[in-house]
Protein backbone atom coordinates (compact mmCIF):
# COMPACT_ATOMS: atom_id res chain seq x y z
CA MET A 1 6.61 17.56 6.23
CA THR A 2 9.38 18.65 3.45
CA GLU A 3 11.01 16.69 0.61
CA ALA A 4 13.73 15.99 2.54
CA GLU A 5 12.03 14.79 5.60
CA TRP A 6 9.74 12.50 3.29
CA LEU A 7 13.01 10.82 1.93
CA SER A 8 14.97 10.40 5.16
CA THR A 9 12.38 9.66 7.64
CA ASP A 10 12.12 6.39 9.55
CA ASP A 11 8.77 6.98 10.84
CA PRO A 12 5.70 5.57 8.62
CA VAL A 13 3.07 7.03 10.83
CA LEU A 14 4.38 10.64 10.32
CA MET A 15 4.38 9.70 6.46
CA LEU A 16 0.64 8.68 6.81
CA HIS A 17 -0.20 11.61 8.90
CA PHE A 18 0.94 13.81 6.21
CA LEU A 19 -0.74 12.10 3.40
CA GLU A 20 -4.22 12.00 5.09
CA GLY A 21 -4.32 15.70 4.51
CA GLU A 22 -7.19 16.43 2.00
CA GLY A 23 -5.78 16.64 -1.46
CA ARG A 24 -2.24 14.82 -0.58
CA ALA A 25 -3.54 11.15 -1.38
CA SER A 26 -6.69 9.55 -2.61
CA ALA A 27 -8.58 7.41 -0.25
CA ARG A 28 -7.95 4.25 -2.61
CA LYS A 29 -4.32 4.65 -2.39
CA LEU A 30 -4.44 5.08 1.42
CA ARG A 31 -6.78 2.08 1.76
CA LEU A 32 -4.52 -0.26 -0.33
CA THR A 33 -1.50 0.87 1.49
CA ALA A 34 -3.32 -0.11 4.74
CA CYS A 35 -4.51 -3.38 3.34
CA ALA A 36 -0.72 -3.73 2.59
CA CYS A 37 0.21 -3.27 6.04
CA CYS A 38 -2.26 -5.85 7.31
CA ARG A 39 -1.33 -8.43 4.70
CA ARG A 40 2.00 -8.51 6.57
CA LEU A 41 0.23 -9.70 9.55
CA TRP A 42 -1.81 -12.58 7.69
CA HIS A 43 -0.33 -15.46 9.67
CA LEU A 44 -1.15 -13.67 12.93
CA LEU A 45 -4.93 -12.91 11.78
CA PRO A 46 -8.16 -15.10 12.31
CA GLU A 47 -9.86 -15.67 9.12
CA LYS A 48 -12.54 -13.21 9.67
CA ARG A 49 -10.07 -10.47 9.60
CA ARG A 50 -8.33 -11.93 6.40
CA ALA A 51 -11.75 -11.87 4.74
CA ALA A 52 -12.02 -8.14 5.61
CA ILE A 53 -8.66 -7.28 4.07
CA GLU A 54 -9.51 -8.89 0.89
CA ALA A 55 -12.85 -6.86 0.79
CA MET A 56 -11.29 -3.78 1.40
CA GLU A 57 -8.91 -4.25 -1.32
CA GLY A 58 -11.91 -4.89 -3.50
CA PHE A 59 -13.79 -1.62 -1.97
CA ALA A 60 -10.74 0.41 -2.56
CA ASP A 61 -11.11 -0.58 -6.33
CA ARG A 62 -14.95 -0.11 -6.13
CA LEU A 63 -15.43 -3.73 -6.61
CA VAL A 64 -17.19 -4.06 -3.29
CA SER A 65 -20.03 -1.78 -2.42
CA GLU A 66 -20.47 0.45 0.74
CA ALA A 67 -23.06 -1.68 1.85
CA ALA A 68 -20.76 -4.64 1.79
CA ARG A 69 -18.09 -2.67 3.17
CA ALA A 70 -20.09 -1.77 6.17
CA THR A 71 -20.56 -5.43 7.28
CA TYR A 72 -16.86 -5.66 7.75
CA GLU A 73 -16.51 -2.53 10.20
CA ASP A 74 -16.67 -4.77 13.02
CA ALA A 75 -15.93 -2.64 16.16
CA ASP A 76 -15.95 -5.67 18.31
CA VAL A 77 -12.18 -5.68 18.83
CA ILE A 78 -11.81 -4.55 22.45
CA GLY A 79 -9.34 -6.96 24.05
CA HIS A 80 -8.18 -8.54 20.81
CA PRO A 81 -4.66 -8.30 19.32
CA SER A 82 -3.38 -5.12 17.74
CA GLY A 83 -3.60 -6.64 14.45
CA GLU A 84 -7.25 -6.88 14.64
CA TYR A 85 -7.40 -3.30 15.33
CA ALA A 86 -5.51 -2.55 12.29
CA VAL A 87 -7.75 -4.53 10.18
CA TYR A 88 -10.83 -2.68 12.07
CA TYR A 89 -9.21 0.86 11.17
CA THR A 90 -8.98 -0.48 7.52
CA SER A 91 -12.36 -1.23 7.46
CA LEU A 92 -13.63 2.06 8.32
CA PRO A 93 -16.00 4.57 6.11
CA THR A 94 -13.79 6.76 4.02
CA ARG A 95 -14.22 9.92 5.85
CA SER A 96 -13.22 8.14 9.13
CA PHE A 97 -10.62 5.84 7.62
CA ARG A 98 -8.82 8.97 6.16
CA THR A 99 -8.12 10.36 9.51
CA ALA A 100 -7.24 7.09 11.29
CA VAL A 101 -5.01 5.37 8.53
CA TYR A 102 -1.85 6.02 10.73
CA ASN A 103 -3.52 3.81 13.36
CA VAL A 104 -3.21 0.73 10.91
CA ALA A 105 0.80 1.21 10.84
CA HIS A 106 0.99 1.71 14.33
CA CYS A 107 -1.28 -1.38 15.24
CA ALA A 108 0.46 -3.44 12.85
CA ALA A 109 3.95 -2.91 13.94
CA LEU A 110 2.65 -3.31 17.50
CA THR A 111 1.49 -6.77 16.59
CA VAL A 112 4.67 -7.86 15.15
CA SER A 113 6.51 -6.61 18.38
CA ASP A 114 3.95 -8.50 20.64
CA ALA A 115 4.63 -11.64 18.67
CA ALA A 116 8.40 -11.73 18.93
CA PRO A 117 10.42 -12.99 21.68
CA SER A 118 10.56 -10.49 24.45
CA ALA A 119 14.41 -9.96 23.79
CA SER A 120 13.84 -8.96 20.15
CA ARG A 121 10.50 -6.93 20.44
CA THR A 122 12.13 -3.75 19.76
CA ARG A 123 14.15 -4.97 16.78
CA ALA A 124 11.15 -6.65 15.33
CA ARG A 125 8.98 -3.42 15.63
CA GLU A 126 11.67 -1.41 13.81
CA ALA A 127 12.07 -4.05 11.29
CA GLU A 128 8.16 -3.93 10.51
CA ARG A 129 8.25 -0.15 10.37
CA ALA A 130 10.99 -0.14 7.92
CA ALA A 131 9.06 -2.45 5.86
CA GLN A 132 5.95 -0.25 6.02
CA LEU A 133 8.14 2.63 4.71
CA GLU A 134 8.78 0.68 1.71
CA LEU A 135 4.98 -0.02 0.99
CA ILE A 136 4.42 3.56 1.31
CA ARG A 137 6.91 4.82 -1.09
CA CYS A 138 5.87 2.04 -3.41
CA VAL A 139 2.23 3.74 -3.57
CA PHE A 140 3.12 7.42 -3.36
CA GLY A 141 6.80 7.65 -4.68
CA ASN A 142 7.85 11.26 -3.97
CA PRO A 143 4.88 13.32 -3.83
CA PHE A 144 6.82 16.51 -3.83
CA ARG A 145 8.05 15.63 -7.41
CA PRO A 146 4.80 14.18 -9.24
CA VAL A 147 5.52 12.68 -12.47
CA SER A 148 3.37 13.71 -15.65
CA VAL A 149 2.31 10.94 -17.77
CA VAL A 150 3.41 11.19 -21.54
CA ARG A 151 1.01 9.73 -24.13
CA SER A 152 3.44 7.20 -25.53
CA TRP A 153 3.47 5.61 -21.90
CA LYS A 154 -0.37 4.74 -22.34
CA THR A 155 -0.60 2.88 -25.57
CA ARG A 156 -2.28 -0.49 -25.58
CA ASP A 157 0.64 -2.72 -25.19
CA LYS A 158 1.97 -0.38 -22.13
CA VAL A 159 -1.41 -0.54 -20.68
CA THR A 160 -1.90 -4.38 -20.99
CA LEU A 161 1.44 -5.02 -19.34
CA ALA A 162 0.38 -2.58 -16.45
CA ARG A 163 -2.95 -4.12 -16.02
CA ALA A 164 -1.57 -7.74 -16.10
CA ALA A 165 1.06 -6.54 -13.22
CA TYR A 166 -1.99 -5.20 -11.16
CA GLU A 167 -4.20 -8.11 -11.47
CA GLU A 168 -1.72 -11.01 -11.30
CA ARG A 169 -0.44 -10.85 -8.01
CA THR A 170 2.00 -13.46 -6.44
CA LEU A 171 1.09 -15.92 -3.69
CA PRO A 172 1.11 -15.68 -0.60
CA ALA A 173 1.90 -12.16 -0.19
CA ARG A 174 -0.08 -10.93 -2.87
CA THR A 175 2.44 -8.51 -4.27
CA LEU A 176 3.00 -7.48 -7.77
CA ASP A 177 5.20 -9.57 -9.97
CA PRO A 178 8.66 -8.35 -10.44
CA ALA A 179 9.07 -9.88 -13.82
CA ARG A 180 5.85 -8.22 -15.02
CA LEU A 181 7.13 -4.68 -13.66
CA ALA A 182 10.54 -5.31 -15.32
CA ALA A 183 8.67 -5.87 -18.74
CA LEU A 184 6.53 -2.86 -18.24
CA ALA A 185 9.93 -0.97 -17.51
CA ASP A 186 11.48 -2.14 -20.54
CA ALA A 187 8.27 -1.29 -22.82
CA LEU A 188 8.40 2.28 -21.14
CA GLU A 189 12.23 2.98 -21.98
CA GLN A 190 11.52 1.79 -25.51
CA ALA A 191 8.83 4.24 -25.53
CA ARG A 192 11.77 6.91 -24.66
CA CYS A 193 10.67 7.27 -20.97
CA THR A 194 14.03 8.41 -19.53
CA ASP A 195 12.76 9.05 -15.73
CA ALA A 196 15.33 7.13 -13.60
CA ASP A 197 13.22 7.05 -10.51
CA LEU A 198 10.30 5.59 -12.24
CA LEU A 199 12.41 3.06 -14.21
CA GLY A 200 14.26 2.27 -11.13
CA HIS A 201 11.26 1.83 -9.10
CA LEU A 202 9.74 -0.63 -11.51
CA ARG A 203 13.12 -2.66 -11.64
CA GLY A 204 13.80 -2.28 -7.83
CA PRO A 205 13.33 -5.19 -5.44
CA GLY A 206 10.09 -4.15 -3.80
CA PRO A 207 8.07 -5.28 -2.51
CA HIS A 208 5.61 -3.82 -4.97
CA ILE A 209 1.69 -3.54 -4.24
CA ARG A 210 -1.48 -2.77 -5.59
CA GLY A 211 -1.44 1.34 -5.73
CA CYS A 212 2.02 1.30 -7.00
CA TRP A 213 2.60 4.86 -8.22
CA VAL A 214 4.03 3.77 -11.71
CA VAL A 215 1.42 1.07 -12.50
CA ASP A 216 -1.27 3.69 -11.53
CA LEU A 217 0.14 6.16 -13.59
CA VAL A 218 0.01 4.03 -16.70
CA LEU A 219 -3.30 2.70 -15.87
CA GLY A 220 -4.78 6.23 -15.06
CA LYS A 221 -5.61 5.41 -11.49
CA SER A 222 -5.39 7.93 -8.65
């Protein structure tokens, strides 16, 4: 994939295929993206699968152990809706998950399509794929133009703002709070950050999710 393709593609599965390559993205970022895709299906999922998504977000940030993760790796999804397959792929161990992450986006889009009236299923699927593109770009930005962190961006006040944005998510979607991100953008600008893409992302409409490339940059997360 080229930079031009990354910026213009309308295919989230293609983007995740590219990112799954070793060294292009951390397993943490990929899993948080997968969880965000599954959260969009929240109203279509049974409680058991919702609990798995919560746990996998914790696992991505090393707050849930490998042993606990394994308890959510429930392969008994045959005959279940596609959304449950999406959660299953999200719950796989790291090595298997990395090579299957694109299946999460695919199954999630199918779930939304299947839940829509027959006359609007294609439109619903394409709308879901468009939403997934935004989630992926929130987490990975433009991988062809990595931004180097500046020391003045990592002072205590900026880190505190970034950590609050990361931890205090809005309900029910569990996305990052735009007001907190805007405050972080203001603080970075005061610290002489002039990167238009970085500031524009924080001030953009989102949705923003855990793994957001700017928040991770300030917090030193990969």
